[in-house]
Amino acid sequence: MKTAPPLHRHRLDQLPTGSRAVVRQIESNDESLHRLMAMGLCLGREVEVVRHGNPLILRFLGARVGVSSRLAQHILVEHR
């Protein structure tokens, strides 16, 4: 039986346009991150990078959200 290769964690700001990833860790208590979490960006959520840059444009839960690269550095994801 084959096992899946381990997934590697990356900072969200490191992913290129078109990437899909799952949020695995949020490393800050910044108020702005709490607002993103209230909008649905939480652990286990799949996100798509619509546009790399500053702001980083993400798609999750059917919406597009702009996230500053400063905030995206504190979000660790597993690239799909």
Protein backbone atom coordinates (compact mmCIF):
# COMPACT_ATOMS: atom_id res chain seq x y z
CA MET A 1 0.00 0.00 0.00
CA LYS A 2 1.40 3.39 -1.02
CA THR A 3 1.30 6.30 1.34
CA ALA A 4 0.88 9.86 0.18
CA PRO A 5 4.02 11.97 0.23
CA PRO A 6 4.19 14.43 3.12
CA LEU A 7 2.77 17.83 2.38
CA HIS A 8 5.04 20.79 2.99
CA ARG A 9 3.97 23.90 4.80
CA HIS A 10 4.58 27.28 3.24
CA ARG A 11 3.78 30.83 4.17
CA LEU A 12 0.73 31.97 2.24
CA ASP A 13 2.65 34.88 0.69
CA GLN A 14 5.06 32.39 -0.97
CA LEU A 15 2.45 30.69 -3.16
CA PRO A 16 2.20 31.61 -6.85
CA THR A 17 -0.97 32.64 -8.67
CA GLY A 18 -3.31 29.70 -9.29
CA SER A 19 -2.14 27.72 -6.25
CA ARG A 20 -4.56 25.96 -3.95
CA ALA A 21 -3.72 25.29 -0.33
CA VAL A 22 -5.24 24.42 3.03
CA VAL A 23 -4.72 26.71 6.03
CA ARG A 24 -2.86 24.79 8.76
CA GLN A 25 -1.62 27.44 11.18
CA ILE A 26 -2.13 31.13 11.92
CA GLU A 27 0.87 32.52 13.81
CA SER A 28 -0.32 35.88 15.08
CA ASN A 29 -2.96 37.53 17.20
CA ASP A 30 -3.10 40.58 14.93
CA GLU A 31 -6.56 42.15 14.90
CA SER A 32 -6.59 42.07 11.09
CA LEU A 33 -6.08 38.30 11.15
CA HIS A 34 -9.02 38.00 13.54
CA ARG A 35 -11.15 39.86 10.97
CA LEU A 36 -10.04 37.43 8.25
CA MET A 37 -10.93 34.53 10.51
CA ALA A 38 -14.37 36.05 11.11
CA MET A 39 -14.81 36.12 7.31
CA GLY A 40 -14.08 32.39 7.16
CA LEU A 41 -10.30 32.11 6.75
CA CYS A 42 -9.71 29.48 9.42
CA LEU A 43 -7.78 26.28 10.03
CA GLY A 44 -8.68 23.60 7.50
CA ARG A 45 -10.08 26.11 4.97
CA GLU A 46 -9.03 25.61 1.34
CA VAL A 47 -7.91 28.82 -0.37
CA GLU A 48 -6.89 29.66 -3.92
CA VAL A 49 -4.37 32.36 -4.80
CA VAL A 50 -6.10 34.39 -7.52
CA ARG A 51 -3.26 36.91 -7.75
CA HIS A 52 0.15 36.95 -6.12
CA GLY A 53 1.35 40.36 -5.00
CA ASN A 54 0.51 43.00 -2.45
CA PRO A 55 -2.28 42.65 -1.76
CA LEU A 56 -2.50 38.93 -2.31
CA ILE A 57 -5.96 38.13 -3.74
CA LEU A 58 -7.46 34.94 -2.31
CA ARG A 59 -10.63 33.06 -3.12
CA PHE A 60 -12.39 31.07 -0.42
CA LEU A 61 -16.03 30.40 0.36
CA GLY A 62 -16.93 31.82 -3.06
CA ALA A 63 -15.52 35.28 -2.31
CA ARG A 64 -12.35 37.13 -3.30
CA VAL A 65 -10.44 38.79 -0.48
CA GLY A 66 -7.35 41.00 -0.57
CA VAL A 67 -4.74 40.18 2.09
CA SER A 68 -1.60 42.23 2.67
CA SER A 69 1.67 40.38 2.26
CA ARG A 70 2.48 41.31 5.87
CA LEU A 71 -0.57 39.37 7.09
CA ALA A 72 -0.07 36.50 4.63
CA GLN A 73 3.38 35.85 6.15
CA HIS A 74 1.66 34.71 9.36
CA ILE A 75 -0.56 32.10 7.67
CA LEU A 76 0.96 28.67 7.09
CA VAL A 77 -0.63 26.45 4.47
CA GLU A 78 -0.18 23.03 2.88
CA HIS A 79 0.11 23.42 -0.87
CA ARG A 80 -2.20 21.13 -2.90
